[in-house]
Each structure stands twice: as structure tokens, then as C-alpha cells.
Amino acid sequence: MNFGQAITAGFQNYVNFAGRAIRSEFWYWFLFAVLVSIAASVIDAVLFSELELMSPISTLAGLAMFLPGLAVSIRRLHDLDRSGWWFLLIFVPLVGAIILLIWNCTRGTVGPNRFGPDPLGGVP
């Protein structure tokens, strides 16, 4: 999956918490979210520089990307044959983020699992 396909899949499945998402889909979405966040911050700094506490563009971008990001994260956990509830580890300071980082870097289950068929078709 390339960058464009991952972004398209993220927005097409923005509230789809079922199924599986491969590593490239997750990481390309993550890269897209970081780039959008940086661009929104720059636009806020240029347009609203006199208003220190206001960042409307960043707020709107964050709201627009919250559900798709959550959905792709949960589908990524499904690819590892883990329940989406494991995403709540993010609320455990430091340790939770490290565990999720390691899991997101790990190859998903080869072949079908309880969340659906292998998105890679069983190819290692």
C-alpha cells in the first residue's frame, strides 16, 4: 500500500472499526497526520499570530482526523489478532505507548484471524 492508497483507505473507512490494517496503512496514516498537524500549526501561526491561545485550524484538523486515526489504530491491532480495547494502553504513561509502538512495528497475523482475512493475502 502506498501513501495515497493509505490516506484514501483512512478516509473511506473513517468509522470502520472492523477488519484489519497492515503496517504500511497505519504508518502512512501516521505520517499524514503529522504532516497535516505541522501544516495546520504553521497556518495558525501565520493567520492567528496575535492570538496566542487560539489555534482554530489545528483544532479543526485534529477533530477531522481523530476518528479515522482511531479506526486505523484499532484495525492495526486487529491485524495483530488483538482486540481494539488494547488501544486503551495509550493511557498508561510511557509503558503503554512503548508497547503500542512495538506492536505497530510488528507484522500482523499471517493468514486469516478472528478479525478477517489477511490483507496481504498470506504473503510474508
N, C-alpha and C. Protein backbone atom coordinates (compact mmCIF):
# COMPACT_ATOMS: atom_id res chain seq x y z
N MET A 1 0.85 -1.18 0.00
CA MET A 1 0.00 0.00 0.00
C MET A 1 0.89 1.23 0.00
N ASN A 2 0.62 2.16 -0.90
CA ASN A 2 1.43 3.37 -0.94
C ASN A 2 0.74 4.49 -0.14
N PHE A 3 1.39 5.66 -0.11
CA PHE A 3 0.92 6.77 0.71
C PHE A 3 -0.51 7.19 0.33
N GLY A 4 -0.76 7.38 -0.95
CA GLY A 4 -2.08 7.82 -1.40
C GLY A 4 -3.17 6.81 -1.09
N GLN A 5 -2.87 5.53 -1.30
CA GLN A 5 -3.85 4.49 -1.01
C GLN A 5 -4.17 4.44 0.49
N ALA A 6 -3.15 4.64 1.31
CA ALA A 6 -3.37 4.61 2.76
C ALA A 6 -4.25 5.77 3.22
N ILE A 7 -4.03 6.95 2.66
CA ILE A 7 -4.84 8.10 3.04
C ILE A 7 -6.28 7.91 2.56
N THR A 8 -6.42 7.42 1.34
CA THR A 8 -7.76 7.15 0.81
C THR A 8 -8.48 6.11 1.67
N ALA A 9 -7.78 5.04 2.01
CA ALA A 9 -8.38 4.00 2.86
C ALA A 9 -8.75 4.55 4.23
N GLY A 10 -7.90 5.43 4.78
CA GLY A 10 -8.19 6.03 6.08
C GLY A 10 -9.47 6.83 6.08
N PHE A 11 -9.68 7.62 5.03
CA PHE A 11 -10.90 8.44 4.97
C PHE A 11 -12.11 7.63 4.53
N GLN A 12 -11.92 6.61 3.69
CA GLN A 12 -13.05 5.78 3.29
C GLN A 12 -13.55 4.93 4.45
N ASN A 13 -12.67 4.54 5.34
CA ASN A 13 -13.02 3.71 6.49
C ASN A 13 -12.95 4.50 7.79
N TYR A 14 -13.34 5.77 7.75
CA TYR A 14 -13.10 6.64 8.90
C TYR A 14 -13.86 6.26 10.14
N VAL A 15 -14.92 5.49 10.03
CA VAL A 15 -15.61 4.98 11.22
C VAL A 15 -15.75 3.47 11.16
N ASN A 16 -14.93 2.83 10.36
CA ASN A 16 -14.95 1.37 10.25
C ASN A 16 -13.92 0.80 11.22
N PHE A 17 -14.40 0.25 12.31
CA PHE A 17 -13.51 -0.32 13.31
C PHE A 17 -13.36 -1.83 13.15
N ALA A 18 -13.94 -2.38 12.09
CA ALA A 18 -13.86 -3.81 11.81
C ALA A 18 -12.81 -4.04 10.74
N GLY A 19 -12.26 -5.22 10.73
CA GLY A 19 -11.27 -5.57 9.71
C GLY A 19 -9.85 -5.36 10.21
N ARG A 20 -8.94 -5.35 9.25
CA ARG A 20 -7.52 -5.30 9.58
C ARG A 20 -6.82 -4.22 8.77
N ALA A 21 -5.77 -3.65 9.34
CA ALA A 21 -4.96 -2.65 8.65
C ALA A 21 -3.50 -3.08 8.73
N ILE A 22 -2.84 -3.14 7.60
CA ILE A 22 -1.43 -3.55 7.58
C ILE A 22 -0.55 -2.40 8.07
N ARG A 23 0.72 -2.73 8.32
CA ARG A 23 1.66 -1.74 8.85
C ARG A 23 1.75 -0.51 7.98
N SER A 24 1.87 -0.70 6.66
CA SER A 24 2.05 0.46 5.79
C SER A 24 0.84 1.39 5.85
N GLU A 25 -0.35 0.83 5.93
CA GLU A 25 -1.54 1.68 6.06
C GLU A 25 -1.48 2.50 7.33
N PHE A 26 -1.13 1.87 8.43
CA PHE A 26 -1.04 2.58 9.71
C PHE A 26 0.03 3.66 9.68
N TRP A 27 1.24 3.31 9.26
CA TRP A 27 2.35 4.25 9.32
C TRP A 27 2.22 5.38 8.31
N TYR A 28 1.66 5.10 7.13
CA TYR A 28 1.41 6.19 6.19
C TYR A 28 0.34 7.12 6.74
N TRP A 29 -0.67 6.58 7.40
CA TRP A 29 -1.68 7.44 8.02
C TRP A 29 -1.04 8.29 9.11
N PHE A 30 -0.17 7.70 9.91
CA PHE A 30 0.52 8.42 10.97
C PHE A 30 1.34 9.56 10.38
N LEU A 31 2.09 9.30 9.31
CA LEU A 31 2.88 10.32 8.63
C LEU A 31 1.97 11.43 8.13
N PHE A 32 0.85 11.08 7.51
CA PHE A 32 -0.10 12.06 7.02
C PHE A 32 -0.61 12.94 8.17
N ALA A 33 -0.93 12.33 9.29
CA ALA A 33 -1.44 13.08 10.45
C ALA A 33 -0.39 14.06 10.97
N VAL A 34 0.86 13.64 11.00
CA VAL A 34 1.94 14.53 11.45
C VAL A 34 2.11 15.70 10.48
N LEU A 35 2.09 15.41 9.18
CA LEU A 35 2.25 16.47 8.18
C LEU A 35 1.09 17.46 8.22
N VAL A 36 -0.14 16.96 8.38
CA VAL A 36 -1.30 17.84 8.48
C VAL A 36 -1.21 18.69 9.75
N SER A 37 -0.76 18.10 10.83
CA SER A 37 -0.62 18.83 12.08
C SER A 37 0.42 19.95 11.97
N ILE A 38 1.52 19.66 11.32
CA ILE A 38 2.56 20.68 11.12
C ILE A 38 2.03 21.80 10.24
N ALA A 39 1.38 21.43 9.13
CA ALA A 39 0.83 22.45 8.22
C ALA A 39 -0.22 23.31 8.92
N ALA A 40 -1.08 22.69 9.72
CA ALA A 40 -2.12 23.43 10.44
C ALA A 40 -1.49 24.38 11.46
N SER A 41 -0.44 23.94 12.12
CA SER A 41 0.24 24.80 13.09
C SER A 41 0.89 26.01 12.42
N VAL A 42 1.48 25.78 11.25
CA VAL A 42 2.09 26.88 10.51
C VAL A 42 1.02 27.88 10.06
N ILE A 43 -0.09 27.37 9.55
CA ILE A 43 -1.18 28.25 9.12
C ILE A 43 -1.73 29.04 10.31
N ASP A 44 -1.88 28.37 11.44
CA ASP A 44 -2.33 29.08 12.65
C ASP A 44 -1.35 30.17 13.06
N ALA A 45 -0.06 29.88 12.99
CA ALA A 45 0.96 30.85 13.37
C ALA A 45 0.94 32.06 12.45
N VAL A 46 0.67 31.84 11.17
CA VAL A 46 0.65 32.94 10.21
C VAL A 46 -0.63 33.77 10.33
N LEU A 47 -1.77 33.09 10.39
CA LEU A 47 -3.05 33.79 10.38
C LEU A 47 -3.47 34.32 11.75
N PHE A 48 -3.10 33.63 12.80
CA PHE A 48 -3.56 33.99 14.14
C PHE A 48 -2.40 34.23 15.09
N SER A 49 -1.35 34.89 14.62
CA SER A 49 -0.15 35.08 15.44
C SER A 49 -0.41 35.98 16.65
N GLU A 50 -1.33 36.93 16.53
CA GLU A 50 -1.60 37.83 17.65
C GLU A 50 -2.47 37.18 18.73
N LEU A 51 -3.13 36.10 18.40
CA LEU A 51 -3.97 35.38 19.36
C LEU A 51 -3.21 34.15 19.85
N GLU A 52 -2.54 34.29 20.98
CA GLU A 52 -1.66 33.24 21.46
C GLU A 52 -2.37 31.94 21.81
N LEU A 53 -3.56 32.04 22.33
CA LEU A 53 -4.25 30.84 22.81
C LEU A 53 -5.19 30.22 21.79
N MET A 54 -5.33 30.84 20.62
CA MET A 54 -6.25 30.31 19.61
C MET A 54 -5.48 29.59 18.51
N SER A 55 -5.96 28.44 18.17
CA SER A 55 -5.40 27.69 17.04
C SER A 55 -6.54 26.95 16.35
N PRO A 56 -7.42 27.70 15.67
CA PRO A 56 -8.62 27.08 15.10
C PRO A 56 -8.33 26.08 13.99
N ILE A 57 -7.33 26.32 13.18
CA ILE A 57 -7.02 25.40 12.08
C ILE A 57 -6.51 24.08 12.64
N SER A 58 -5.62 24.15 13.63
CA SER A 58 -5.12 22.92 14.26
C SER A 58 -6.23 22.16 14.96
N THR A 59 -7.13 22.87 15.59
CA THR A 59 -8.25 22.23 16.27
C THR A 59 -9.15 21.51 15.27
N LEU A 60 -9.48 22.18 14.16
CA LEU A 60 -10.32 21.56 13.14
C LEU A 60 -9.62 20.36 12.50
N ALA A 61 -8.33 20.48 12.25
CA ALA A 61 -7.58 19.36 11.66
C ALA A 61 -7.56 18.17 12.62
N GLY A 62 -7.34 18.45 13.89
CA GLY A 62 -7.34 17.38 14.88
C GLY A 62 -8.69 16.68 14.99
N LEU A 63 -9.75 17.48 14.97
CA LEU A 63 -11.09 16.89 15.02
C LEU A 63 -11.40 16.07 13.78
N ALA A 64 -10.97 16.56 12.62
CA ALA A 64 -11.24 15.85 11.37
C ALA A 64 -10.49 14.53 11.29
N MET A 65 -9.34 14.45 11.94
CA MET A 65 -8.51 13.25 11.83
C MET A 65 -8.59 12.34 13.04
N PHE A 66 -9.37 12.70 14.05
CA PHE A 66 -9.45 11.89 15.26
C PHE A 66 -10.07 10.51 14.99
N LEU A 67 -11.28 10.48 14.45
CA LEU A 67 -11.95 9.20 14.21
C LEU A 67 -11.21 8.32 13.20
N PRO A 68 -10.76 8.86 12.06
CA PRO A 68 -10.01 7.99 11.14
C PRO A 68 -8.74 7.43 11.78
N GLY A 69 -8.07 8.24 12.58
CA GLY A 69 -6.86 7.77 13.26
C GLY A 69 -7.15 6.68 14.27
N LEU A 70 -8.22 6.86 15.02
CA LEU A 70 -8.63 5.84 15.98
C LEU A 70 -9.01 4.55 15.27
N ALA A 71 -9.75 4.68 14.17
CA ALA A 71 -10.19 3.49 13.42
C ALA A 71 -9.01 2.73 12.84
N VAL A 72 -8.05 3.42 12.25
CA VAL A 72 -6.90 2.72 11.66
C VAL A 72 -6.04 2.10 12.77
N SER A 73 -5.97 2.73 13.93
CA SER A 73 -5.21 2.16 15.05
C SER A 73 -5.86 0.87 15.54
N ILE A 74 -7.16 0.87 15.64
CA ILE A 74 -7.87 -0.33 16.10
C ILE A 74 -7.78 -1.43 15.05
N ARG A 75 -7.91 -1.07 13.77
CA ARG A 75 -7.76 -2.09 12.73
C ARG A 75 -6.34 -2.64 12.71
N ARG A 76 -5.36 -1.81 13.06
CA ARG A 76 -3.97 -2.29 13.15
C ARG A 76 -3.83 -3.32 14.27
N LEU A 77 -4.46 -3.07 15.40
CA LEU A 77 -4.45 -4.05 16.48
C LEU A 77 -5.15 -5.34 16.06
N HIS A 78 -6.22 -5.21 15.28
CA HIS A 78 -6.92 -6.40 14.77
C HIS A 78 -5.99 -7.22 13.88
N ASP A 79 -5.12 -6.57 13.12
CA ASP A 79 -4.19 -7.30 12.26
C ASP A 79 -3.23 -8.14 13.10
N LEU A 80 -3.01 -7.73 14.34
CA LEU A 80 -2.15 -8.48 15.25
C LEU A 80 -2.94 -9.50 16.06
N ASP A 81 -4.23 -9.66 15.72
CA ASP A 81 -5.15 -10.55 16.43
C ASP A 81 -5.35 -10.12 17.88
N ARG A 82 -5.40 -8.82 18.08
CA ARG A 82 -5.66 -8.25 19.40
C ARG A 82 -6.94 -7.43 19.33
N SER A 83 -7.66 -7.40 20.41
CA SER A 83 -8.88 -6.61 20.49
C SER A 83 -8.54 -5.12 20.41
N GLY A 84 -9.46 -4.34 19.89
CA GLY A 84 -9.26 -2.90 19.82
C GLY A 84 -9.18 -2.25 21.19
N TRP A 85 -9.69 -2.93 22.20
CA TRP A 85 -9.63 -2.40 23.56
C TRP A 85 -8.20 -2.24 24.05
N TRP A 86 -7.26 -2.95 23.43
CA TRP A 86 -5.85 -2.80 23.80
C TRP A 86 -5.36 -1.37 23.53
N PHE A 87 -6.06 -0.63 22.69
CA PHE A 87 -5.66 0.75 22.41
C PHE A 87 -5.68 1.60 23.67
N LEU A 88 -6.47 1.20 24.65
CA LEU A 88 -6.53 1.95 25.91
C LEU A 88 -5.21 1.95 26.66
N LEU A 89 -4.26 1.12 26.22
CA LEU A 89 -2.92 1.16 26.81
C LEU A 89 -2.27 2.53 26.64
N ILE A 90 -2.75 3.30 25.69
CA ILE A 90 -2.18 4.63 25.45
C ILE A 90 -2.30 5.51 26.69
N PHE A 91 -3.24 5.19 27.58
CA PHE A 91 -3.44 5.97 28.79
C PHE A 91 -2.52 5.55 29.93
N VAL A 92 -1.73 4.50 29.73
CA VAL A 92 -0.74 4.10 30.73
C VAL A 92 0.54 4.87 30.39
N PRO A 93 0.98 5.78 31.26
CA PRO A 93 2.12 6.63 30.92
C PRO A 93 3.36 5.82 30.51
N LEU A 94 3.96 6.23 29.44
CA LEU A 94 5.18 5.71 28.85
C LEU A 94 5.12 4.24 28.45
N VAL A 95 4.81 3.37 29.37
CA VAL A 95 4.80 1.93 29.11
C VAL A 95 3.78 1.58 28.02
N GLY A 96 2.58 2.15 28.12
CA GLY A 96 1.55 1.87 27.13
C GLY A 96 1.95 2.30 25.74
N ALA A 97 2.54 3.48 25.63
CA ALA A 97 2.98 3.98 24.33
C ALA A 97 4.08 3.11 23.74
N ILE A 98 4.99 2.63 24.59
CA ILE A 98 6.07 1.77 24.12
C ILE A 98 5.52 0.44 23.62
N ILE A 99 4.60 -0.14 24.37
CA ILE A 99 4.00 -1.41 23.96
C ILE A 99 3.27 -1.25 22.62
N LEU A 100 2.47 -0.18 22.49
CA LEU A 100 1.75 0.04 21.23
C LEU A 100 2.71 0.31 20.07
N LEU A 101 3.80 1.01 20.33
CA LEU A 101 4.81 1.24 19.29
C LEU A 101 5.40 -0.07 18.79
N ILE A 102 5.74 -0.93 19.72
CA ILE A 102 6.31 -2.24 19.35
C ILE A 102 5.29 -3.05 18.57
N TRP A 103 4.06 -3.07 19.03
CA TRP A 103 3.02 -3.83 18.31
C TRP A 103 2.78 -3.26 16.91
N ASN A 104 2.80 -1.92 16.78
CA ASN A 104 2.56 -1.32 15.48
C ASN A 104 3.70 -1.54 14.50
N CYS A 105 4.86 -1.92 15.01
CA CYS A 105 6.01 -2.22 14.15
C CYS A 105 6.09 -3.71 13.81
N THR A 106 5.25 -4.51 14.44
CA THR A 106 5.27 -5.96 14.26
C THR A 106 4.38 -6.36 13.09
N ARG A 107 4.81 -7.36 12.35
CA ARG A 107 4.00 -7.87 11.25
C ARG A 107 2.74 -8.51 11.79
N GLY A 108 1.66 -8.34 11.09
CA GLY A 108 0.37 -8.89 11.51
C GLY A 108 0.32 -10.40 11.38
N THR A 109 -0.78 -10.96 11.81
CA THR A 109 -1.01 -12.39 11.74
C THR A 109 -1.01 -12.85 10.29
N VAL A 110 -0.23 -13.88 9.99
CA VAL A 110 -0.22 -14.45 8.64
C VAL A 110 -1.47 -15.30 8.48
N GLY A 111 -2.20 -15.07 7.41
CA GLY A 111 -3.44 -15.81 7.19
C GLY A 111 -4.59 -15.16 7.92
N PRO A 112 -5.75 -15.75 7.81
CA PRO A 112 -6.93 -15.16 8.46
C PRO A 112 -6.85 -15.27 9.98
N ASN A 113 -7.46 -14.31 10.65
CA ASN A 113 -7.62 -14.39 12.10
C ASN A 113 -9.07 -14.05 12.42
N ARG A 114 -9.40 -13.89 13.67
CA ARG A 114 -10.80 -13.69 14.06
C ARG A 114 -11.37 -12.35 13.58
N PHE A 115 -10.51 -11.47 13.06
CA PHE A 115 -10.97 -10.17 12.59
C PHE A 115 -11.07 -10.07 11.08
N GLY A 116 -10.72 -11.15 10.39
CA GLY A 116 -10.87 -11.15 8.94
C GLY A 116 -9.70 -11.79 8.22
N PRO A 117 -9.77 -11.78 6.90
CA PRO A 117 -8.69 -12.37 6.11
C PRO A 117 -7.43 -11.51 6.15
N ASP A 118 -6.33 -12.13 5.82
CA ASP A 118 -5.05 -11.44 5.78
C ASP A 118 -5.06 -10.40 4.66
N PRO A 119 -4.87 -9.10 4.97
CA PRO A 119 -4.88 -8.09 3.92
C PRO A 119 -3.75 -8.27 2.91
N LEU A 120 -2.70 -8.97 3.30
CA LEU A 120 -1.58 -9.22 2.40
C LEU A 120 -1.76 -10.52 1.64
N GLY A 121 -2.81 -11.22 1.92
CA GLY A 121 -3.07 -12.49 1.24
C GLY A 121 -2.19 -13.62 1.70
N GLY A 122 -1.64 -13.52 2.90
CA GLY A 122 -0.79 -14.60 3.43
C GLY A 122 0.64 -14.56 2.91
N VAL A 123 1.03 -13.49 2.23
CA VAL A 123 2.38 -13.36 1.70
C VAL A 123 3.29 -12.80 2.78
N PRO A 124 4.39 -13.47 3.12
CA PRO A 124 5.26 -12.97 4.20
C PRO A 124 6.00 -11.74 3.89
